[in-house]
Amino acid sequence: MPEKRVHVALYVMTMGYWKDVRERLGGGNPEAYEDDYVCAGCFDDEGLKGFIEGEASAKTCTFCGAESEEPIAAPLVEVLLYINEILGREYDVAENKLPRDEGQYIGRVWATRELLEYRLGIELPNDEDSTLMDALCDGLGERLWCDKHPFSLSDDEADVQLG
């Protein structure tokens, strides 16, 4: 009987962990990537590379297959949380910020993939089959994003002087 209690306690703790992760991400499907690890070589962005190198705990990258004697890959879930934190500095989910007219958002919006690939220009040099990009989009959640302050002037717009 005590063994059953341990399993139940672990199950409850695990469910609580994933609930917390989903809340921090604002949705998504992070549980699907619980056993996935990604190496710094899978990204071109220096900030992401540095984060991954600092969080590395696995000797094999799930996505490109790179291996090492030392840890080179960070848990994808931690990378998703980091990316979401960085995105949150400049972007928000459209439903949190933009009004709607006849079901359409009033303002610029981007789907998760559009935001990562085109707006931010995230390059994944080893992702020939889009497995990593698909995992990032699924883990973060397919939703619409907008500027964090959609009705404020950008720095460039604020610098324009009339007259």
Protein backbone atom coordinates (compact mmCIF):
# COMPACT_ATOMS: atom_id res chain seq x y z
CA MET A 1 0.00 0.00 0.00
CA PRO A 2 2.77 2.57 0.76
CA GLU A 3 4.20 1.99 -2.74
CA LYS A 4 0.84 3.00 -4.25
CA ARG A 5 0.90 6.24 -2.23
CA VAL A 6 4.34 7.06 -3.61
CA HIS A 7 3.11 6.53 -7.18
CA VAL A 8 0.05 8.69 -6.54
CA ALA A 9 2.20 11.42 -4.96
CA LEU A 10 4.60 11.37 -7.93
CA TYR A 11 1.67 11.51 -10.34
CA VAL A 12 0.17 14.51 -8.51
CA MET A 13 3.56 16.28 -8.40
CA THR A 14 4.12 15.62 -12.10
CA MET A 15 0.64 16.87 -13.01
CA GLY A 16 1.27 19.98 -10.92
CA TYR A 17 4.58 20.56 -12.69
CA TRP A 18 3.00 20.33 -16.15
CA LYS A 19 0.11 22.55 -15.11
CA ASP A 20 2.65 25.15 -13.95
CA VAL A 21 4.62 24.87 -17.20
CA ARG A 22 1.45 25.25 -19.32
CA GLU A 23 0.44 28.30 -17.26
CA ARG A 24 3.89 29.86 -17.68
CA LEU A 25 3.72 29.21 -21.43
CA GLY A 26 0.12 30.35 -21.67
CA GLY A 27 -0.89 27.01 -23.19
CA GLY A 28 0.89 24.85 -25.69
CA ASN A 29 1.76 21.19 -25.47
CA PRO A 30 5.03 21.04 -23.51
CA GLU A 31 4.39 17.53 -22.12
CA ALA A 32 4.93 16.09 -25.59
CA TYR A 33 8.58 17.16 -25.36
CA GLU A 34 9.30 15.94 -21.84
CA ASP A 35 12.09 13.63 -23.05
CA ASP A 36 13.52 15.90 -25.78
CA TYR A 37 16.79 17.79 -25.55
CA VAL A 38 18.21 20.38 -27.93
CA CYS A 39 21.82 21.49 -28.40
CA ALA A 40 23.20 24.97 -29.06
CA GLY A 41 24.20 23.90 -32.58
CA CYS A 42 20.53 23.71 -33.52
CA PHE A 43 20.20 27.52 -33.20
CA ASP A 44 22.01 30.48 -34.77
CA ASP A 45 20.90 32.94 -32.08
CA GLU A 46 23.73 33.65 -29.62
CA GLY A 47 21.33 34.25 -26.71
CA LEU A 48 19.65 30.87 -27.20
CA LYS A 49 23.03 29.17 -27.64
CA GLY A 50 24.25 30.66 -24.36
CA PHE A 51 21.10 29.64 -22.52
CA ILE A 52 21.31 26.07 -23.84
CA GLU A 53 24.99 25.77 -22.96
CA GLY A 54 24.20 26.94 -19.43
CA GLU A 55 21.29 24.50 -19.02
CA ALA A 56 22.83 21.49 -20.80
CA SER A 57 22.16 18.23 -19.00
CA ALA A 58 22.06 15.61 -21.79
CA LYS A 59 24.88 14.23 -23.92
CA THR A 60 22.73 13.77 -27.03
CA CYS A 61 20.57 16.20 -29.00
CA THR A 62 17.17 14.76 -29.87
CA PHE A 63 16.87 16.96 -32.96
CA CYS A 64 20.23 16.86 -34.79
CA GLY A 65 21.68 13.74 -33.14
CA ALA A 66 24.87 15.46 -31.96
CA GLU A 67 26.62 13.54 -29.18
CA SER A 68 29.36 14.36 -26.70
CA GLU A 69 31.08 12.99 -23.62
CA GLU A 70 29.92 16.12 -21.77
CA PRO A 71 26.35 17.48 -21.61
CA ILE A 72 25.56 19.54 -24.72
CA ALA A 73 21.75 19.62 -24.82
CA ALA A 74 19.18 21.34 -22.62
CA PRO A 75 15.64 20.09 -21.99
CA LEU A 76 13.42 21.43 -24.76
CA VAL A 77 10.80 22.38 -22.15
CA GLU A 78 13.31 24.73 -20.47
CA VAL A 79 14.17 26.23 -23.87
CA LEU A 80 10.45 26.76 -24.55
CA LEU A 81 10.06 28.56 -21.21
CA TYR A 82 13.09 30.73 -22.00
CA ILE A 83 11.81 31.62 -25.48
CA ASN A 84 8.38 32.43 -24.05
CA GLU A 85 9.98 34.71 -21.45
CA ILE A 86 11.95 36.52 -24.16
CA LEU A 87 8.86 36.82 -26.39
CA GLY A 88 6.92 38.27 -23.46
CA ARG A 89 9.22 41.29 -23.38
CA GLU A 90 7.99 42.52 -26.77
CA TYR A 91 4.92 40.46 -27.65
CA ASP A 92 1.70 39.21 -26.08
CA VAL A 93 -1.16 36.96 -27.08
CA ALA A 94 -3.55 38.95 -29.28
CA GLU A 95 -6.59 38.08 -27.16
CA ASN A 96 -4.94 39.85 -24.21
CA LYS A 97 -4.31 43.14 -26.04
CA LEU A 98 -6.30 43.68 -29.21
CA PRO A 99 -9.95 44.57 -29.69
CA ARG A 100 -12.02 42.67 -32.22
CA ASP A 101 -14.40 43.78 -34.90
CA GLU A 102 -16.66 41.15 -36.46
CA GLY A 103 -14.37 38.40 -35.16
CA GLN A 104 -11.18 39.93 -36.55
CA TYR A 105 -8.43 41.45 -34.43
CA ILE A 106 -7.82 45.13 -34.99
CA GLY A 107 -4.04 45.35 -35.30
CA ARG A 108 -1.09 43.31 -36.53
CA VAL A 109 -1.05 39.66 -35.48
CA TRP A 110 1.31 36.77 -36.16
CA ALA A 111 0.83 33.03 -35.72
CA THR A 112 3.52 31.40 -33.57
CA ARG A 113 5.44 30.09 -36.60
CA GLU A 114 5.25 33.46 -38.38
CA LEU A 115 6.50 35.23 -35.27
CA LEU A 116 9.45 32.89 -34.80
CA GLU A 117 10.48 32.47 -38.44
CA TYR A 118 9.66 35.76 -40.11
CA ARG A 119 9.25 38.44 -37.47
CA LEU A 120 12.14 37.31 -35.24
CA GLY A 121 14.12 35.49 -37.91
CA ILE A 122 15.00 32.50 -35.73
CA GLU A 123 17.26 30.28 -37.80
CA LEU A 124 17.61 26.57 -37.11
CA PRO A 125 20.60 25.41 -39.19
CA ASN A 126 20.15 21.68 -38.52
CA ASP A 127 16.36 21.59 -38.92
CA GLU A 128 16.05 20.40 -42.51
CA ASP A 129 12.79 18.55 -41.89
CA SER A 130 11.29 21.29 -39.62
CA THR A 131 11.05 18.90 -36.66
CA LEU A 132 12.53 21.43 -34.24
CA MET A 133 10.43 24.35 -35.54
CA ASP A 134 7.32 22.18 -35.32
CA ALA A 135 8.22 21.28 -31.71
CA LEU A 136 8.81 24.94 -30.81
CA CYS A 137 5.46 25.98 -32.30
CA ASP A 138 3.56 23.09 -30.72
CA GLY A 139 5.28 23.54 -27.36
CA LEU A 140 4.59 27.28 -27.28
CA GLY A 141 1.10 26.79 -28.63
CA GLU A 142 -0.36 27.76 -31.98
CA ARG A 143 -1.92 31.10 -31.17
CA LEU A 144 -1.95 34.65 -32.45
CA TRP A 145 0.61 37.12 -31.11
CA CYS A 146 0.74 40.91 -31.27
CA ASP A 147 3.04 43.69 -30.12
CA LYS A 148 3.02 44.01 -26.34
CA HIS A 149 1.99 47.66 -26.70
CA PRO A 150 0.10 47.59 -30.00
CA PHE A 151 -1.19 51.15 -29.86
CA SER A 152 2.03 52.86 -28.78
CA LEU A 153 4.54 54.42 -31.11
CA SER A 154 7.63 52.36 -31.87
CA ASP A 155 11.01 53.91 -31.09
CA ASP A 156 11.45 54.70 -34.81
CA GLU A 157 8.01 56.31 -35.03
CA ALA A 158 8.64 58.33 -31.87
CA ASP A 159 11.89 59.72 -33.33
CA VAL A 160 10.08 61.23 -36.31
CA GLN A 161 9.64 64.96 -35.84
CA LEU A 162 7.10 67.04 -37.68
CA GLY A 163 7.98 70.41 -39.18
